[in-house]
Amino acid sequence: MNKIYSRLAFTNIKNNKTLYMPYIISGMVMIAMFYVMMFLNNSKGLGKVPGADALASIMGLGYVPKILDTYL
């Protein structure tokens, strides 16, 4: 039964790739940007930059578990 659903999903994505591909690509870019921001936020070199506290808090705004840990 699951084979039918996966085949239907794959066929639908293949037939409507002009609709789905920008969504898939933008999702991958957003994930890559998230990891870059978290890497920069957690790097030790950030502490040497003037205003590092403000910069770290701004870059960490998109990281929901960090915000929840801060305020809870």
PDB file of N, CA and C in Angstrom:
ATOM      1  N   MET A   1       0.819  -1.191   0.000  1.00  0.00           N
ATOM      2  CA  MET A   1       0.000   0.000   0.000  1.00  0.00           C
ATOM      3  C   MET A   1       0.871   1.267   0.000  1.00  0.00           C
ATOM      4  N   ASN A   2       1.927   1.276   0.810  1.00  0.00           N
ATOM      5  CA  ASN A   2       2.793   2.446   0.871  1.00  0.00           C
ATOM      6  C   ASN A   2       3.546   2.661  -0.431  1.00  0.00           C
ATOM      7  N   LYS A   3       3.789   1.565  -1.166  1.00  0.00           N
ATOM      8  CA  LYS A   3       4.476   1.680  -2.450  1.00  0.00           C
ATOM      9  C   LYS A   3       3.634   2.480  -3.444  1.00  0.00           C
ATOM     10  N   ILE A   4       2.344   2.311  -3.379  1.00  0.00           N
ATOM     11  CA  ILE A   4       1.445   3.046  -4.277  1.00  0.00           C
ATOM     12  C   ILE A   4       1.499   4.539  -3.969  1.00  0.00           C
ATOM     13  N   TYR A   5       1.461   4.881  -2.682  1.00  0.00           N
ATOM     14  CA  TYR A   5       1.484   6.291  -2.296  1.00  0.00           C
ATOM     15  C   TYR A   5       2.807   6.953  -2.650  1.00  0.00           C
ATOM     16  N   SER A   6       3.900   6.249  -2.431  1.00  0.00           N
ATOM     17  CA  SER A   6       5.198   6.839  -2.775  1.00  0.00           C
ATOM     18  C   SER A   6       5.338   6.994  -4.287  1.00  0.00           C
ATOM     19  N   ARG A   7       4.835   6.046  -5.056  1.00  0.00           N
ATOM     20  CA  ARG A   7       4.887   6.160  -6.511  1.00  0.00           C
ATOM     21  C   ARG A   7       4.015   7.312  -6.999  1.00  0.00           C
ATOM     22  N   LEU A   8       2.828   7.480  -6.417  1.00  0.00           N
ATOM     23  CA  LEU A   8       1.965   8.602  -6.780  1.00  0.00           C
ATOM     24  C   LEU A   8       2.600   9.940  -6.430  1.00  0.00           C
ATOM     25  N   ALA A   9       3.237  10.017  -5.268  1.00  0.00           N
ATOM     26  CA  ALA A   9       3.891  11.254  -4.850  1.00  0.00           C
ATOM     27  C   ALA A   9       5.046  11.585  -5.783  1.00  0.00           C
ATOM     28  N   PHE A  10       5.869  10.604  -6.103  1.00  0.00           N
ATOM     29  CA  PHE A  10       7.003  10.840  -6.992  1.00  0.00           C
ATOM     30  C   PHE A  10       6.533  11.252  -8.380  1.00  0.00           C
ATOM     31  N   THR A  11       5.495  10.601  -8.887  1.00  0.00           N
ATOM     32  CA  THR A  11       4.962  10.948 -10.216  1.00  0.00           C
ATOM     33  C   THR A  11       4.399  12.358 -10.218  1.00  0.00           C
ATOM     34  N   ASN A  12       3.720  12.742  -9.150  1.00  0.00           N
ATOM     35  CA  ASN A  12       3.160  14.081  -9.057  1.00  0.00           C
ATOM     36  C   ASN A  12       4.258  15.140  -9.025  1.00  0.00           C
ATOM     37  N   ILE A  13       5.310  14.874  -8.258  1.00  0.00           N
ATOM     38  CA  ILE A  13       6.417  15.832  -8.200  1.00  0.00           C
ATOM     39  C   ILE A  13       7.106  15.918  -9.554  1.00  0.00           C
ATOM     40  N   LYS A  14       7.269  14.787 -10.227  1.00  0.00           N
ATOM     41  CA  LYS A  14       7.918  14.781 -11.536  1.00  0.00           C
ATOM     42  C   LYS A  14       7.083  15.534 -12.570  1.00  0.00           C
ATOM     43  N   ASN A  15       5.789  15.355 -12.538  1.00  0.00           N
ATOM     44  CA  ASN A  15       4.923  16.025 -13.517  1.00  0.00           C
ATOM     45  C   ASN A  15       4.765  17.515 -13.236  1.00  0.00           C
ATOM     46  N   ASN A  16       4.860  17.924 -11.990  1.00  0.00           N
ATOM     47  CA  ASN A  16       4.682  19.327 -11.617  1.00  0.00           C
ATOM     48  C   ASN A  16       5.973  19.929 -11.089  1.00  0.00           C
ATOM     49  N   LYS A  17       7.094  19.583 -11.724  1.00  0.00           N
ATOM     50  CA  LYS A  17       8.381  20.044 -11.204  1.00  0.00           C
ATOM     51  C   LYS A  17       8.555  21.549 -11.314  1.00  0.00           C
ATOM     52  N   THR A  18       7.854  22.195 -12.217  1.00  0.00           N
ATOM     53  CA  THR A  18       7.962  23.658 -12.292  1.00  0.00           C
ATOM     54  C   THR A  18       7.348  24.320 -11.068  1.00  0.00           C
ATOM     55  N   LEU A  19       6.442  23.641 -10.409  1.00  0.00           N
ATOM     56  CA  LEU A  19       5.831  24.159  -9.200  1.00  0.00           C
ATOM     57  C   LEU A  19       6.628  23.779  -7.949  1.00  0.00           C
ATOM     58  N   TYR A  20       7.112  22.545  -7.898  1.00  0.00           N
ATOM     59  CA  TYR A  20       7.752  22.041  -6.694  1.00  0.00           C
ATOM     60  C   TYR A  20       9.239  22.383  -6.578  1.00  0.00           C
ATOM     61  N   MET A  21       9.951  22.491  -7.695  1.00  0.00           N
ATOM     62  CA  MET A  21      11.400  22.692  -7.624  1.00  0.00           C
ATOM     63  C   MET A  21      11.795  24.007  -6.945  1.00  0.00           C
ATOM     64  N   PRO A  22      11.157  25.140  -7.218  1.00  0.00           N
ATOM     65  CA  PRO A  22      11.539  26.350  -6.470  1.00  0.00           C
ATOM     66  C   PRO A  22      11.317  26.203  -4.969  1.00  0.00           C
ATOM     67  N   TYR A  23      10.281  25.494  -4.576  1.00  0.00           N
ATOM     68  CA  TYR A  23      10.012  25.274  -3.161  1.00  0.00           C
ATOM     69  C   TYR A  23      11.095  24.402  -2.529  1.00  0.00           C
ATOM     70  N   ILE A  24      11.478  23.340  -3.208  1.00  0.00           N
ATOM     71  CA  ILE A  24      12.507  22.436  -2.697  1.00  0.00           C
ATOM     72  C   ILE A  24      13.853  23.146  -2.621  1.00  0.00           C
ATOM     73  N   ILE A  25      14.196  23.912  -3.654  1.00  0.00           N
ATOM     74  CA  ILE A  25      15.473  24.637  -3.666  1.00  0.00           C
ATOM     75  C   ILE A  25      15.501  25.704  -2.586  1.00  0.00           C
ATOM     76  N   SER A  26      14.417  26.438  -2.421  1.00  0.00           N
ATOM     77  CA  SER A  26      14.397  27.476  -1.382  1.00  0.00           C
ATOM     78  C   SER A  26      14.460  26.858   0.008  1.00  0.00           C
ATOM     79  N   GLY A  27      13.873  25.704   0.194  1.00  0.00           N
ATOM     80  CA  GLY A  27      13.982  25.005   1.472  1.00  0.00           C
ATOM     81  C   GLY A  27      15.412  24.592   1.773  1.00  0.00           C
ATOM     82  N   MET A  28      16.118  24.100   0.762  1.00  0.00           N
ATOM     83  CA  MET A  28      17.512  23.712   0.964  1.00  0.00           C
ATOM     84  C   MET A  28      18.384  24.925   1.262  1.00  0.00           C
ATOM     85  N   VAL A  29      18.125  26.046   0.592  1.00  0.00           N
ATOM     86  CA  VAL A  29      18.897  27.265   0.835  1.00  0.00           C
ATOM     87  C   VAL A  29      18.641  27.789   2.254  1.00  0.00           C
ATOM     88  N   MET A  30      17.406  27.734   2.699  1.00  0.00           N
ATOM     89  CA  MET A  30      17.093  28.204   4.050  1.00  0.00           C
ATOM     90  C   MET A  30      17.763  27.337   5.115  1.00  0.00           C
ATOM     91  N   ILE A  31      17.808  26.042   4.902  1.00  0.00           N
ATOM     92  CA  ILE A  31      18.480  25.151   5.846  1.00  0.00           C
ATOM     93  C   ILE A  31      19.973  25.439   5.866  1.00  0.00           C
ATOM     94  N   ALA A  32      20.564  25.666   4.688  1.00  0.00           N
ATOM     95  CA  ALA A  32      21.989  25.995   4.623  1.00  0.00           C
ATOM     96  C   ALA A  32      22.275  27.314   5.334  1.00  0.00           C
ATOM     97  N   MET A  33      21.424  28.319   5.138  1.00  0.00           N
ATOM     98  CA  MET A  33      21.617  29.600   5.816  1.00  0.00           C
ATOM     99  C   MET A  33      21.487  29.450   7.326  1.00  0.00           C
ATOM    100  N   PHE A  34      20.565  28.606   7.768  1.00  0.00           N
ATOM    101  CA  PHE A  34      20.398  28.363   9.193  1.00  0.00           C
ATOM    102  C   PHE A  34      21.670  27.778   9.797  1.00  0.00           C
ATOM    103  N   TYR A  35      22.251  26.776   9.127  1.00  0.00           N
ATOM    104  CA  TYR A  35      23.465  26.155   9.650  1.00  0.00           C
ATOM    105  C   TYR A  35      24.644  27.116   9.628  1.00  0.00           C
ATOM    106  N   VAL A  36      24.741  27.962   8.616  1.00  0.00           N
ATOM    107  CA  VAL A  36      25.819  28.950   8.578  1.00  0.00           C
ATOM    108  C   VAL A  36      25.673  29.937   9.728  1.00  0.00           C
ATOM    109  N   MET A  37      24.462  30.425   9.970  1.00  0.00           N
ATOM    110  CA  MET A  37      24.251  31.367  11.072  1.00  0.00           C
ATOM    111  C   MET A  37      24.526  30.721  12.425  1.00  0.00           C
ATOM    112  N   MET A  38      24.133  29.480  12.605  1.00  0.00           N
ATOM    113  CA  MET A  38      24.394  28.819  13.879  1.00  0.00           C
ATOM    114  C   MET A  38      25.886  28.532  14.049  1.00  0.00           C
ATOM    115  N   PHE A  39      26.582  28.214  12.954  1.00  0.00           N
ATOM    116  CA  PHE A  39      28.022  28.015  13.050  1.00  0.00           C
ATOM    117  C   PHE A  39      28.715  29.317  13.433  1.00  0.00           C
ATOM    118  N   LEU A  40      28.340  30.411  12.798  1.00  0.00           N
ATOM    119  CA  LEU A  40      28.937  31.700  13.140  1.00  0.00           C
ATOM    120  C   LEU A  40      28.591  32.118  14.558  1.00  0.00           C
ATOM    121  N   ASN A  41      27.394  31.828  14.983  1.00  0.00           N
ATOM    122  CA  ASN A  41      26.958  32.196  16.329  1.00  0.00           C
ATOM    123  C   ASN A  41      27.719  31.419  17.396  1.00  0.00           C
ATOM    124  N   ASN A  42      28.072  30.181  17.115  1.00  0.00           N
ATOM    125  CA  ASN A  42      28.741  29.337  18.098  1.00  0.00           C
ATOM    126  C   ASN A  42      30.259  29.327  17.963  1.00  0.00           C
ATOM    127  N   SER A  43      30.815  30.100  17.034  1.00  0.00           N
ATOM    128  CA  SER A  43      32.263  30.078  16.849  1.00  0.00           C
ATOM    129  C   SER A  43      32.960  30.871  17.949  1.00  0.00           C
ATOM    130  N   LYS A  44      34.169  30.469  18.277  1.00  0.00           N
ATOM    131  CA  LYS A  44      34.927  31.130  19.337  1.00  0.00           C
ATOM    132  C   LYS A  44      35.453  32.488  18.884  1.00  0.00           C
ATOM    133  N   GLY A  45      35.617  32.674  17.582  1.00  0.00           N
ATOM    134  CA  GLY A  45      36.114  33.940  17.059  1.00  0.00           C
ATOM    135  C   GLY A  45      35.122  35.077  17.191  1.00  0.00           C
ATOM    136  N   LEU A  46      33.864  34.757  17.423  1.00  0.00           N
ATOM    137  CA  LEU A  46      32.846  35.798  17.569  1.00  0.00           C
ATOM    138  C   LEU A  46      33.074  36.625  18.823  1.00  0.00           C
ATOM    139  N   GLY A  47      33.671  36.052  19.844  1.00  0.00           N
ATOM    140  CA  GLY A  47      33.917  36.766  21.087  1.00  0.00           C
ATOM    141  C   GLY A  47      34.936  37.886  20.937  1.00  0.00           C
ATOM    142  N   LYS A  48      35.737  37.845  19.889  1.00  0.00           N
ATOM    143  CA  LYS A  48      36.766  38.862  19.673  1.00  0.00           C
ATOM    144  C   LYS A  48      36.230  40.092  18.946  1.00  0.00           C
ATOM    145  N   VAL A  49      35.038  40.000  18.409  1.00  0.00           N
ATOM    146  CA  VAL A  49      34.446  41.088  17.629  1.00  0.00           C
ATOM    147  C   VAL A  49      33.801  42.087  18.581  1.00  0.00           C
ATOM    148  N   PRO A  50      33.988  43.411  18.339  1.00  0.00           N
ATOM    149  CA  PRO A  50      33.286  44.387  19.180  1.00  0.00           C
ATOM    150  C   PRO A  50      31.769  44.244  19.025  1.00  0.00           C
ATOM    151  N   GLY A  51      31.062  44.264  20.125  1.00  0.00           N
ATOM    152  CA  GLY A  51      29.611  44.108  20.106  1.00  0.00           C
ATOM    153  C   GLY A  51      29.183  42.675  19.898  1.00  0.00           C
ATOM    154  N   ALA A  52      29.989  41.735  20.360  1.00  0.00           N
ATOM    155  CA  ALA A  52      29.718  40.321  20.120  1.00  0.00           C
ATOM    156  C   ALA A  52      28.432  39.856  20.806  1.00  0.00           C
ATOM    157  N   ASP A  53      28.105  40.426  21.955  1.00  0.00           N
ATOM    158  CA  ASP A  53      26.886  40.004  22.648  1.00  0.00           C
ATOM    159  C   ASP A  53      25.644  40.333  21.826  1.00  0.00           C
ATOM    160  N   ALA A  54      25.599  41.557  21.300  1.00  0.00           N
ATOM    161  CA  ALA A  54      24.445  41.957  20.483  1.00  0.00           C
ATOM    162  C   ALA A  54      24.392  41.146  19.191  1.00  0.00           C
ATOM    163  N   LEU A  55      25.546  40.920  18.577  1.00  0.00           N
ATOM    164  CA  LEU A  55      25.589  40.159  17.333  1.00  0.00           C
ATOM    165  C   LEU A  55      25.141  38.717  17.553  1.00  0.00           C
ATOM    166  N   ALA A  56      25.578  38.128  18.642  1.00  0.00           N
ATOM    167  CA  ALA A  56      25.184  36.749  18.931  1.00  0.00           C
ATOM    168  C   ALA A  56      23.688  36.654  19.209  1.00  0.00           C
ATOM    169  N   SER A  57      23.135  37.635  19.893  1.00  0.00           N
ATOM    170  CA  SER A  57      21.695  37.573  20.176  1.00  0.00           C
ATOM    171  C   SER A  57      20.867  37.800  18.912  1.00  0.00           C
ATOM    172  N   ILE A  58      21.342  38.648  18.012  1.00  0.00           N
ATOM    173  CA  ILE A  58      20.615  38.871  16.751  1.00  0.00           C
ATOM    174  C   ILE A  58      20.676  37.631  15.874  1.00  0.00           C
ATOM    175  N   MET A  59      21.855  37.018  15.773  1.00  0.00           N
ATOM    176  CA  MET A  59      21.971  35.821  14.938  1.00  0.00           C
ATOM    177  C   MET A  59      21.239  34.638  15.542  1.00  0.00           C
ATOM    178  N   GLY A  60      21.041  34.639  16.847  1.00  0.00           N
ATOM    179  CA  GLY A  60      20.345  33.534  17.483  1.00  0.00           C
ATOM    180  C   GLY A  60      18.841  33.668  17.494  1.00  0.00           C
ATOM    181  N   LEU A  61      18.299  34.736  16.926  1.00  0.00           N
ATOM    182  CA  LEU A  61      16.850  34.938  16.957  1.00  0.00           C
ATOM    183  C   LEU A  61      16.085  33.849  16.212  1.00  0.00           C
ATOM    184  N   GLY A  62      16.682  33.281  15.195  1.00  0.00           N
ATOM    185  CA  GLY A  62      15.986  32.247  14.442  1.00  0.00           C
ATOM    186  C   GLY A  62      16.067  30.880  15.069  1.00  0.00           C
ATOM    187  N   TYR A  63      16.799  30.752  16.130  1.00  0.00           N
ATOM    188  CA  TYR A  63      16.984  29.463  16.762  1.00  0.00           C
ATOM    189  C   TYR A  63      16.032  29.359  17.944  1.00  0.00           C
ATOM    190  N   VAL A  64      14.871  28.766  17.733  1.00  0.00           N
ATOM    191  CA  VAL A  64      13.777  28.756  18.710  1.00  0.00           C
ATOM    192  C   VAL A  64      14.154  28.072  20.025  1.00  0.00           C
ATOM    193  N   PRO A  65      14.820  26.902  20.012  1.00  0.00           N
ATOM    194  CA  PRO A  65      15.153  26.298  21.320  1.00  0.00           C
ATOM    195  C   PRO A  65      16.060  27.180  22.168  1.00  0.00           C
ATOM    196  N   LYS A  66      16.945  27.928  21.550  1.00  0.00           N
ATOM    197  CA  LYS A  66      17.814  28.820  22.312  1.00  0.00           C
ATOM    198  C   LYS A  66      16.988  29.927  22.960  1.00  0.00           C
ATOM    199  N   ILE A  67      16.032  30.458  22.239  1.00  0.00           N
ATOM    200  CA  ILE A  67      15.171  31.511  22.787  1.00  0.00           C
ATOM    201  C   ILE A  67      14.336  30.961  23.936  1.00  0.00           C
ATOM    202  N   LEU A  68      13.794  29.758  23.769  1.00  0.00           N
ATOM    203  CA  LEU A  68      12.988  29.158  24.822  1.00  0.00           C
ATOM    204  C   LEU A  68      13.821  28.875  26.065  1.00  0.00           C
ATOM    205  N   ASP A  69      15.072  28.439  25.892  1.00  0.00           N
ATOM    206  CA  ASP A  69      15.938  28.200  27.044  1.00  0.00           C
ATOM    207  C   ASP A  69      16.289  29.500  27.752  1.00  0.00           C
ATOM    208  N   THR A  70      16.398  30.577  27.008  1.00  0.00           N
ATOM    209  CA  THR A  70      16.772  31.860  27.587  1.00  0.00           C
ATOM    210  C   THR A  70      15.654  32.417  28.460  1.00  0.00           C
ATOM    211  N   TYR A  71      14.436  32.337  27.992  1.00  0.00           N
ATOM    212  CA  TYR A  71      13.327  32.983  28.681  1.00  0.00           C
ATOM    213  C   TYR A  71      12.540  32.074  29.611  1.00  0.00           C
ATOM    214  N   LEU A  72      12.804  30.800  29.600  1.00  0.00           N
ATOM    215  CA  LEU A  72      12.057  29.879  30.479  1.00  0.00           C
ATOM    216  C   LEU A  72      12.853  29.519  31.694  1.00  0.00           C
TER     217      LEU A  72
END
